[in-house]
Amino acid sequence: MTSDDTNALTIKLLESNSYFGMEPSQVKIIKQKKVACLADNDARLALDPNDKYKIQTKPHGHGDVHSLLYSSGLLEQWYACWLRNWVYSFR
């Protein structure tokens, strides 16, 4: 799972290291969306320091992994192959 902040660098890392011995088709990358940042415990929105009309955003976090696996269709692909017994997640 990547985000706009990490997707390009993750792909570059994988490609420059020949996918660490895996076939590229064995690696599935799903990208999470960003959500608004909170500035404090009172849930005030974090504004861009250079533009007070722009809200800062960050990747949603690890909680997205389950919904992304489902919404991306990856779980259905794995189920259709019936070969997948385990899912490894590196954080």
PDB file of N, CA and C in Angstrom:
ATOM      1  N   MET A   1       0.856  -1.165   0.000  1.00  0.00           N
ATOM      2  CA  MET A   1       0.000   0.000   0.000  1.00  0.00           C
ATOM      3  C   MET A   1       0.900   1.225   0.000  1.00  0.00           C
ATOM      4  N   THR A   2       0.656   2.096  -0.966  1.00  0.00           N
ATOM      5  CA  THR A   2       1.412   3.335  -1.076  1.00  0.00           C
ATOM      6  C   THR A   2       0.448   4.518  -1.046  1.00  0.00           C
ATOM      7  N   SER A   3       1.010   5.702  -1.186  1.00  0.00           N
ATOM      8  CA  SER A   3       0.211   6.922  -1.288  1.00  0.00           C
ATOM      9  C   SER A   3       0.847   7.789  -2.365  1.00  0.00           C
ATOM     10  N   ASP A   4       0.255   8.948  -2.628  1.00  0.00           N
ATOM     11  CA  ASP A   4       0.860   9.878  -3.581  1.00  0.00           C
ATOM     12  C   ASP A   4       2.277  10.258  -3.143  1.00  0.00           C
ATOM     13  N   ASP A   5       2.513  10.257  -1.834  1.00  0.00           N
ATOM     14  CA  ASP A   5       3.824  10.629  -1.305  1.00  0.00           C
ATOM     15  C   ASP A   5       4.875   9.545  -1.530  1.00  0.00           C
ATOM     16  N   THR A   6       4.459   8.285  -1.615  1.00  0.00           N
ATOM     17  CA  THR A   6       5.430   7.187  -1.637  1.00  0.00           C
ATOM     18  C   THR A   6       5.377   6.301  -2.880  1.00  0.00           C
ATOM     19  N   ASN A   7       4.361   6.430  -3.716  1.00  0.00           N
ATOM     20  CA  ASN A   7       4.167   5.501  -4.821  1.00  0.00           C
ATOM     21  C   ASN A   7       5.347   5.474  -5.803  1.00  0.00           C
ATOM     22  N   ALA A   8       5.739   6.619  -6.321  1.00  0.00           N
ATOM     23  CA  ALA A   8       6.821   6.674  -7.313  1.00  0.00           C
ATOM     24  C   ALA A   8       8.133   6.144  -6.736  1.00  0.00           C
ATOM     25  N   LEU A   9       8.447   6.532  -5.505  1.00  0.00           N
ATOM     26  CA  LEU A   9       9.693   6.057  -4.888  1.00  0.00           C
ATOM     27  C   LEU A   9       9.653   4.552  -4.610  1.00  0.00           C
ATOM     28  N   THR A  10       8.493   4.042  -4.252  1.00  0.00           N
ATOM     29  CA  THR A  10       8.357   2.610  -4.014  1.00  0.00           C
ATOM     30  C   THR A  10       8.585   1.826  -5.298  1.00  0.00           C
ATOM     31  N   ILE A  11       7.985   2.281  -6.375  1.00  0.00           N
ATOM     32  CA  ILE A  11       8.165   1.609  -7.666  1.00  0.00           C
ATOM     33  C   ILE A  11       9.623   1.692  -8.112  1.00  0.00           C
ATOM     34  N   LYS A  12      10.235   2.853  -7.933  1.00  0.00           N
ATOM     35  CA  LYS A  12      11.648   3.014  -8.288  1.00  0.00           C
ATOM     36  C   LYS A  12      12.527   2.050  -7.480  1.00  0.00           C
ATOM     37  N   LEU A  13      12.261   1.941  -6.192  1.00  0.00           N
ATOM     38  CA  LEU A  13      13.017   1.028  -5.332  1.00  0.00           C
ATOM     39  C   LEU A  13      12.870  -0.418  -5.799  1.00  0.00           C
ATOM     40  N   LEU A  14      11.645  -0.820  -6.078  1.00  0.00           N
ATOM     41  CA  LEU A  14      11.410  -2.181  -6.545  1.00  0.00           C
ATOM     42  C   LEU A  14      12.126  -2.443  -7.872  1.00  0.00           C
ATOM     43  N   GLU A  15      11.992  -1.529  -8.801  1.00  0.00           N
ATOM     44  CA  GLU A  15      12.603  -1.716 -10.113  1.00  0.00           C
ATOM     45  C   GLU A  15      14.125  -1.722 -10.037  1.00  0.00           C
ATOM     46  N   SER A  16      14.693  -0.829  -9.235  1.00  0.00           N
ATOM     47  CA  SER A  16      16.156  -0.752  -9.141  1.00  0.00           C
ATOM     48  C   SER A  16      16.762  -1.940  -8.405  1.00  0.00           C
ATOM     49  N   ASN A  17      15.930  -2.680  -7.703  1.00  0.00           N
ATOM     50  CA  ASN A  17      16.398  -3.878  -6.994  1.00  0.00           C
ATOM     51  C   ASN A  17      15.807  -5.148  -7.579  1.00  0.00           C
ATOM     52  N   SER A  18      15.386  -5.078  -8.829  1.00  0.00           N
ATOM     53  CA  SER A  18      14.818  -6.231  -9.547  1.00  0.00           C
ATOM     54  C   SER A  18      13.739  -6.936  -8.715  1.00  0.00           C
ATOM     55  N   TYR A  19      12.915  -6.122  -8.094  1.00  0.00           N
ATOM     56  CA  TYR A  19      11.791  -6.617  -7.283  1.00  0.00           C
ATOM     57  C   TYR A  19      12.239  -7.622  -6.212  1.00  0.00           C
ATOM     58  N   PHE A  20      13.486  -7.466  -5.776  1.00  0.00           N
ATOM     59  CA  PHE A  20      14.047  -8.298  -4.711  1.00  0.00           C
ATOM     60  C   PHE A  20      13.849  -9.789  -4.987  1.00  0.00           C
ATOM     61  N   GLY A  21      14.029 -10.162  -6.254  1.00  0.00           N
ATOM     62  CA  GLY A  21      13.963 -11.563  -6.647  1.00  0.00           C
ATOM     63  C   GLY A  21      12.576 -12.059  -7.030  1.00  0.00           C
ATOM     64  N   MET A  22      11.572 -11.236  -6.884  1.00  0.00           N
ATOM     65  CA  MET A  22      10.220 -11.633  -7.276  1.00  0.00           C
ATOM     66  C   MET A  22       9.951 -11.190  -8.705  1.00  0.00           C
ATOM     67  N   GLU A  23       8.992 -11.800  -9.331  1.00  0.00           N
ATOM     68  CA  GLU A  23       8.515 -11.334 -10.623  1.00  0.00           C
ATOM     69  C   GLU A  23       7.663 -10.087 -10.383  1.00  0.00           C
ATOM     70  N   PRO A  24       7.743  -9.088 -11.256  1.00  0.00           N
ATOM     71  CA  PRO A  24       6.907  -7.894 -11.061  1.00  0.00           C
ATOM     72  C   PRO A  24       5.420  -8.227 -10.914  1.00  0.00           C
ATOM     73  N   SER A  25       4.963  -9.269 -11.566  1.00  0.00           N
ATOM     74  CA  SER A  25       3.544  -9.645 -11.466  1.00  0.00           C
ATOM     75  C   SER A  25       3.184 -10.176 -10.085  1.00  0.00           C
ATOM     76  N   GLN A  26       4.196 -10.526  -9.289  1.00  0.00           N
ATOM     77  CA  GLN A  26       3.931 -11.018  -7.936  1.00  0.00           C
ATOM     78  C   GLN A  26       3.720  -9.890  -6.936  1.00  0.00           C
ATOM     79  N   VAL A  27       4.088  -8.691  -7.319  1.00  0.00           N
ATOM     80  CA  VAL A  27       3.990  -7.539  -6.424  1.00  0.00           C
ATOM     81  C   VAL A  27       2.766  -6.722  -6.810  1.00  0.00           C
ATOM     82  N   LYS A  28       1.877  -6.538  -5.875  1.00  0.00           N
ATOM     83  CA  LYS A  28       0.652  -5.759  -6.105  1.00  0.00           C
ATOM     84  C   LYS A  28       0.725  -4.492  -5.270  1.00  0.00           C
ATOM     85  N   ILE A  29       0.660  -3.374  -5.949  1.00  0.00           N
ATOM     86  CA  ILE A  29       0.703  -2.083  -5.259  1.00  0.00           C
ATOM     87  C   ILE A  29      -0.673  -1.455  -5.354  1.00  0.00           C
ATOM     88  N   ILE A  30      -1.213  -1.085  -4.209  1.00  0.00           N
ATOM     89  CA  ILE A  30      -2.485  -0.377  -4.171  1.00  0.00           C
ATOM     90  C   ILE A  30      -2.238   0.956  -3.462  1.00  0.00           C
ATOM     91  N   LYS A  31      -2.761   2.010  -4.053  1.00  0.00           N
ATOM     92  CA  LYS A  31      -2.484   3.354  -3.546  1.00  0.00           C
ATOM     93  C   LYS A  31      -3.686   3.894  -2.782  1.00  0.00           C
ATOM     94  N   GLN A  32      -3.406   4.338  -1.572  1.00  0.00           N
ATOM     95  CA  GLN A  32      -4.452   4.931  -0.749  1.00  0.00           C
ATOM     96  C   GLN A  32      -4.596   6.414  -1.066  1.00  0.00           C
ATOM     97  N   LYS A  33      -5.760   6.936  -0.769  1.00  0.00           N
ATOM     98  CA  LYS A  33      -6.021   8.356  -0.980  1.00  0.00           C
ATOM     99  C   LYS A  33      -5.605   9.141   0.255  1.00  0.00           C
ATOM    100  N   LYS A  34      -5.548  10.439   0.086  1.00  0.00           N
ATOM    101  CA  LYS A  34      -5.215  11.302   1.210  1.00  0.00           C
ATOM    102  C   LYS A  34      -6.493  11.835   1.851  1.00  0.00           C
ATOM    103  N   VAL A  35      -6.370  12.199   3.106  1.00  0.00           N
ATOM    104  CA  VAL A  35      -7.472  12.799   3.854  1.00  0.00           C
ATOM    105  C   VAL A  35      -6.968  14.071   4.524  1.00  0.00           C
ATOM    106  N   ALA A  36      -7.884  14.892   4.928  1.00  0.00           N
ATOM    107  CA  ALA A  36      -7.514  16.142   5.591  1.00  0.00           C
ATOM    108  C   ALA A  36      -6.783  15.861   6.903  1.00  0.00           C
ATOM    109  N   CYS A  37      -5.805  16.704   7.200  1.00  0.00           N
ATOM    110  CA  CYS A  37      -5.042  16.584   8.461  1.00  0.00           C
ATOM    111  C   CYS A  37      -5.722  17.385   9.562  1.00  0.00           C
ATOM    112  N   LEU A  38      -5.581  16.881  10.747  1.00  0.00           N
ATOM    113  CA  LEU A  38      -6.061  17.614  11.912  1.00  0.00           C
ATOM    114  C   LEU A  38      -4.865  18.259  12.592  1.00  0.00           C
ATOM    115  N   ALA A  39      -5.052  19.482  13.037  1.00  0.00           N
ATOM    116  CA  ALA A  39      -3.963  20.243  13.635  1.00  0.00           C
ATOM    117  C   ALA A  39      -3.792  19.981  15.121  1.00  0.00           C
ATOM    118  N   ASP A  40      -4.884  19.560  15.780  1.00  0.00           N
ATOM    119  CA  ASP A  40      -4.806  19.413  17.230  1.00  0.00           C
ATOM    120  C   ASP A  40      -5.898  18.456  17.729  1.00  0.00           C
ATOM    121  N   ASN A  41      -5.927  18.245  19.027  1.00  0.00           N
ATOM    122  CA  ASN A  41      -6.913  17.347  19.638  1.00  0.00           C
ATOM    123  C   ASN A  41      -8.342  17.872  19.588  1.00  0.00           C
ATOM    124  N   ASP A  42      -8.509  19.149  19.244  1.00  0.00           N
ATOM    125  CA  ASP A  42      -9.845  19.721  19.084  1.00  0.00           C
ATOM    126  C   ASP A  42     -10.341  19.554  17.649  1.00  0.00           C
ATOM    127  N   ALA A  43      -9.604  18.815  16.848  1.00  0.00           N
ATOM    128  CA  ALA A  43      -9.961  18.478  15.462  1.00  0.00           C
ATOM    129  C   ALA A  43     -10.044  19.694  14.540  1.00  0.00           C
ATOM    130  N   ARG A  44      -9.201  20.670  14.799  1.00  0.00           N
ATOM    131  CA  ARG A  44      -9.118  21.793  13.858  1.00  0.00           C
ATOM    132  C   ARG A  44      -8.349  21.320  12.632  1.00  0.00           C
ATOM    133  N   LEU A  45      -8.789  21.755  11.467  1.00  0.00           N
ATOM    134  CA  LEU A  45      -8.106  21.362  10.241  1.00  0.00           C
ATOM    135  C   LEU A  45      -6.739  22.038  10.149  1.00  0.00           C
ATOM    136  N   ALA A  46      -5.751  21.270   9.692  1.00  0.00           N
ATOM    137  CA  ALA A  46      -4.402  21.806   9.512  1.00  0.00           C
ATOM    138  C   ALA A  46      -4.340  22.518   8.165  1.00  0.00           C
ATOM    139  N   LEU A  47      -3.985  23.792   8.204  1.00  0.00           N
ATOM    140  CA  LEU A  47      -3.901  24.583   6.984  1.00  0.00           C
ATOM    141  C   LEU A  47      -2.464  24.620   6.476  1.00  0.00           C
ATOM    142  N   ASP A  48      -2.335  24.753   5.184  1.00  0.00           N
ATOM    143  CA  ASP A  48      -1.026  24.867   4.552  1.00  0.00           C
ATOM    144  C   ASP A  48      -0.379  26.158   5.051  1.00  0.00           C
ATOM    145  N   PRO A  49       0.855  26.092   5.558  1.00  0.00           N
ATOM    146  CA  PRO A  49       1.490  27.312   6.073  1.00  0.00           C
ATOM    147  C   PRO A  49       1.717  28.380   4.999  1.00  0.00           C
ATOM    148  N   ASN A  50       1.729  27.977   3.723  1.00  0.00           N
ATOM    149  CA  ASN A  50       1.950  28.923   2.629  1.00  0.00           C
ATOM    150  C   ASN A  50       0.647  29.411   1.981  1.00  0.00           C
ATOM    151  N   ASP A  51      -0.469  28.804   2.370  1.00  0.00           N
ATOM    152  CA  ASP A  51      -1.761  29.174   1.772  1.00  0.00           C
ATOM    153  C   ASP A  51      -2.863  28.871   2.781  1.00  0.00           C
ATOM    154  N   LYS A  52      -3.336  29.900   3.460  1.00  0.00           N
ATOM    155  CA  LYS A  52      -4.311  29.687   4.534  1.00  0.00           C
ATOM    156  C   LYS A  52      -5.660  29.170   4.044  1.00  0.00           C
ATOM    157  N   TYR A  53      -5.859  29.105   2.721  1.00  0.00           N
ATOM    158  CA  TYR A  53      -7.105  28.578   2.164  1.00  0.00           C
ATOM    159  C   TYR A  53      -6.967  27.135   1.679  1.00  0.00           C
ATOM    160  N   LYS A  54      -5.814  26.545   1.919  1.00  0.00           N
ATOM    161  CA  LYS A  54      -5.558  25.176   1.485  1.00  0.00           C
ATOM    162  C   LYS A  54      -5.376  24.278   2.709  1.00  0.00           C
ATOM    163  N   ILE A  55      -6.109  23.181   2.736  1.00  0.00           N
ATOM    164  CA  ILE A  55      -6.033  22.232   3.851  1.00  0.00           C
ATOM    165  C   ILE A  55      -4.922  21.209   3.571  1.00  0.00           C
ATOM    166  N   GLN A  56      -4.117  20.946   4.583  1.00  0.00           N
ATOM    167  CA  GLN A  56      -3.073  19.928   4.443  1.00  0.00           C
ATOM    168  C   GLN A  56      -3.713  18.545   4.393  1.00  0.00           C
ATOM    169  N   THR A  57      -3.104  17.668   3.637  1.00  0.00           N
ATOM    170  CA  THR A  57      -3.590  16.285   3.561  1.00  0.00           C
ATOM    171  C   THR A  57      -2.444  15.327   3.810  1.00  0.00           C
ATOM    172  N   LYS A  58      -2.808  14.142   4.275  1.00  0.00           N
ATOM    173  CA  LYS A  58      -1.848  13.072   4.549  1.00  0.00           C
ATOM    174  C   LYS A  58      -2.486  11.752   4.137  1.00  0.00           C
ATOM    175  N   PRO A  59      -1.670  10.724   3.902  1.00  0.00           N
ATOM    176  CA  PRO A  59      -2.241   9.399   3.646  1.00  0.00           C
ATOM    177  C   PRO A  59      -3.094   8.965   4.836  1.00  0.00           C
ATOM    178  N   HIS A  60      -4.136   8.228   4.555  1.00  0.00           N
ATOM    179  CA  HIS A  60      -5.090   7.818   5.588  1.00  0.00           C
ATOM    180  C   HIS A  60      -4.452   6.915   6.638  1.00  0.00           C
ATOM    181  N   GLY A  61      -3.544   6.054   6.251  1.00  0.00           N
ATOM    182  CA  GLY A  61      -2.855   5.206   7.219  1.00  0.00           C
ATOM    183  C   GLY A  61      -3.155   3.736   7.026  1.00  0.00           C
ATOM    184  N   HIS A  62      -2.647   2.927   7.932  1.00  0.00           N
ATOM    185  CA  HIS A  62      -2.742   1.468   7.811  1.00  0.00           C
ATOM    186  C   HIS A  62      -4.168   0.950   7.865  1.00  0.00           C
ATOM    187  N   GLY A  63      -5.076   1.701   8.409  1.00  0.00           N
ATOM    188  CA  GLY A  63      -6.466   1.258   8.480  1.00  0.00           C
ATOM    189  C   GLY A  63      -7.111   1.089   7.116  1.00  0.00           C
ATOM    190  N   ASP A  64      -6.514   1.692   6.105  1.00  0.00           N
ATOM    191  CA  ASP A  64      -7.047   1.584   4.750  1.00  0.00           C
ATOM    192  C   ASP A  64      -6.767   0.249   4.091  1.00  0.00           C
ATOM    193  N   VAL A  65      -5.828  -0.505   4.588  1.00  0.00           N
ATOM    194  CA  VAL A  65      -5.375  -1.691   3.859  1.00  0.00           C
ATOM    195  C   VAL A  65      -6.520  -2.661   3.570  1.00  0.00           C
ATOM    196  N   HIS A  66      -7.398  -2.881   4.519  1.00  0.00           N
ATOM    197  CA  HIS A  66      -8.472  -3.854   4.323  1.00  0.00           C
ATOM    198  C   HIS A  66      -9.485  -3.383   3.287  1.00  0.00           C
ATOM    199  N   SER A  67      -9.887  -2.118   3.372  1.00  0.00           N
ATOM    200  CA  SER A  67     -10.851  -1.615   2.394  1.00  0.00           C
ATOM    201  C   SER A  67     -10.218  -1.502   1.008  1.00  0.00           C
ATOM    202  N   LEU A  68      -8.935  -1.182   0.936  1.00  0.00           N
ATOM    203  CA  LEU A  68      -8.261  -1.103  -0.364  1.00  0.00           C
ATOM    204  C   LEU A  68      -8.109  -2.482  -1.002  1.00  0.00           C
ATOM    205  N   LEU A  69      -7.808  -3.480  -0.216  1.00  0.00           N
ATOM    206  CA  LEU A  69      -7.723  -4.839  -0.762  1.00  0.00           C
ATOM    207  C   LEU A  69      -9.051  -5.234  -1.390  1.00  0.00           C
ATOM    208  N   TYR A  70     -10.130  -4.854  -0.727  1.00  0.00           N
ATOM    209  CA  TYR A  70     -11.458  -5.186  -1.238  1.00  0.00           C
ATOM    210  C   TYR A  70     -11.821  -4.327  -2.454  1.00  0.00           C
ATOM    211  N   SER A  71     -11.712  -3.001  -2.320  1.00  0.00           N
ATOM    212  CA  SER A  71     -12.174  -2.106  -3.383  1.00  0.00           C
ATOM    213  C   SER A  71     -11.308  -2.178  -4.642  1.00  0.00           C
ATOM    214  N   SER A  72     -10.058  -2.575  -4.507  1.00  0.00           N
ATOM    215  CA  SER A  72      -9.177  -2.677  -5.674  1.00  0.00           C
ATOM    216  C   SER A  72      -9.448  -3.932  -6.489  1.00  0.00           C
ATOM    217  N   GLY A  73     -10.210  -4.869  -5.904  1.00  0.00           N
ATOM    218  CA  GLY A  73     -10.472  -6.125  -6.593  1.00  0.00           C
ATOM    219  C   GLY A  73      -9.396  -7.171  -6.349  1.00  0.00           C
ATOM    220  N   LEU A  74      -8.383  -6.814  -5.591  1.00  0.00           N
ATOM    221  CA  LEU A  74      -7.279  -7.737  -5.351  1.00  0.00           C
ATOM    222  C   LEU A  74      -7.718  -8.987  -4.587  1.00  0.00           C
ATOM    223  N   LEU A  75      -8.601  -8.808  -3.606  1.00  0.00           N
ATOM    224  CA  LEU A  75      -9.079  -9.990  -2.868  1.00  0.00           C
ATOM    225  C   LEU A  75      -9.804 -10.956  -3.786  1.00  0.00           C
ATOM    226  N   GLU A  76     -10.622 -10.436  -4.703  1.00  0.00           N
ATOM    227  CA  GLU A  76     -11.329 -11.304  -5.661  1.00  0.00           C
ATOM    228  C   GLU A  76     -10.345 -12.028  -6.569  1.00  0.00           C
ATOM    229  N   GLN A  77      -9.301 -11.309  -7.020  1.00  0.00           N
ATOM    230  CA  GLN A  77      -8.286 -11.947  -7.856  1.00  0.00           C
ATOM    231  C   GLN A  77      -7.610 -13.091  -7.109  1.00  0.00           C
ATOM    232  N   TRP A  78      -7.245 -12.846  -5.862  1.00  0.00           N
ATOM    233  CA  TRP A  78      -6.588 -13.883  -5.072  1.00  0.00           C
ATOM    234  C   TRP A  78      -7.532 -15.053  -4.842  1.00  0.00           C
ATOM    235  N   TYR A  79      -8.783 -14.755  -4.528  1.00  0.00           N
ATOM    236  CA  TYR A  79      -9.761 -15.813  -4.279  1.00  0.00           C
ATOM    237  C   TYR A  79      -9.975 -16.652  -5.536  1.00  0.00           C
ATOM    238  N   ALA A  80     -10.035 -16.000  -6.694  1.00  0.00           N
ATOM    239  CA  ALA A  80     -10.237 -16.710  -7.958  1.00  0.00           C
ATOM    240  C   ALA A  80      -9.078 -17.647  -8.259  1.00  0.00           C
ATOM    241  N   CYS A  81      -7.890 -17.280  -7.838  1.00  0.00           N
ATOM    242  CA  CYS A  81      -6.712 -18.130  -8.064  1.00  0.00           C
ATOM    243  C   CYS A  81      -6.661 -19.286  -7.069  1.00  0.00           C
ATOM    244  N   TRP A  82      -7.338 -19.170  -5.970  1.00  0.00           N
ATOM    245  CA  TRP A  82      -7.386 -20.102  -4.845  1.00  0.00           C
ATOM    246  C   TRP A  82      -6.017 -20.593  -4.416  1.00  0.00           C
ATOM    247  N   LEU A  83      -4.983 -19.937  -4.886  1.00  0.00           N
ATOM    248  CA  LEU A  83      -3.619 -20.332  -4.526  1.00  0.00           C
ATOM    249  C   LEU A  83      -3.097 -19.554  -3.329  1.00  0.00           C
ATOM    250  N   ARG A  84      -3.790 -18.521  -2.963  1.00  0.00           N
ATOM    251  CA  ARG A  84      -3.284 -17.642  -1.912  1.00  0.00           C
ATOM    252  C   ARG A  84      -3.777 -18.107  -0.546  1.00  0.00           C
ATOM    253  N   ASN A  85      -2.853 -18.555   0.261  1.00  0.00           N
ATOM    254  CA  ASN A  85      -3.199 -18.968   1.616  1.00  0.00           C
ATOM    255  C   ASN A  85      -2.796 -17.921   2.643  1.00  0.00           C
ATOM    256  N   TRP A  86      -1.801 -17.108   2.293  1.00  0.00           N
ATOM    257  CA  TRP A  86      -1.261 -16.148   3.240  1.00  0.00           C
ATOM    258  C   TRP A  86      -1.056 -14.816   2.536  1.00  0.00           C
ATOM    259  N   VAL A  87      -1.218 -13.737   3.286  1.00  0.00           N
ATOM    260  CA  VAL A  87      -0.928 -12.409   2.801  1.00  0.00           C
ATOM    261  C   VAL A  87       0.123 -11.817   3.732  1.00  0.00           C
ATOM    262  N   TYR A  88       1.234 -11.380   3.160  1.00  0.00           N
ATOM    263  CA  TYR A  88       2.289 -10.754   3.952  1.00  0.00           C
ATOM    264  C   TYR A  88       2.235  -9.261   3.753  1.00  0.00           C
ATOM    265  N   SER A  89       2.258  -8.533   4.839  1.00  0.00           N
ATOM    266  CA  SER A  89       2.189  -7.080   4.793  1.00  0.00           C
ATOM    267  C   SER A  89       3.443  -6.526   5.451  1.00  0.00           C
ATOM    268  N   PHE A  90       4.193  -5.724   4.705  1.00  0.00           N
ATOM    269  CA  PHE A  90       5.383  -5.088   5.251  1.00  0.00           C
ATOM    270  C   PHE A  90       5.065  -3.640   5.527  1.00  0.00           C
ATOM    271  N   ARG A  91       5.341  -3.200   6.748  1.00  0.00           N
ATOM    272  CA  ARG A  91       5.058  -1.805   7.116  1.00  0.00           C
ATOM    273  C   ARG A  91       6.336  -1.088   7.444  1.00  0.00           C
TER     274      ARG A  91
END
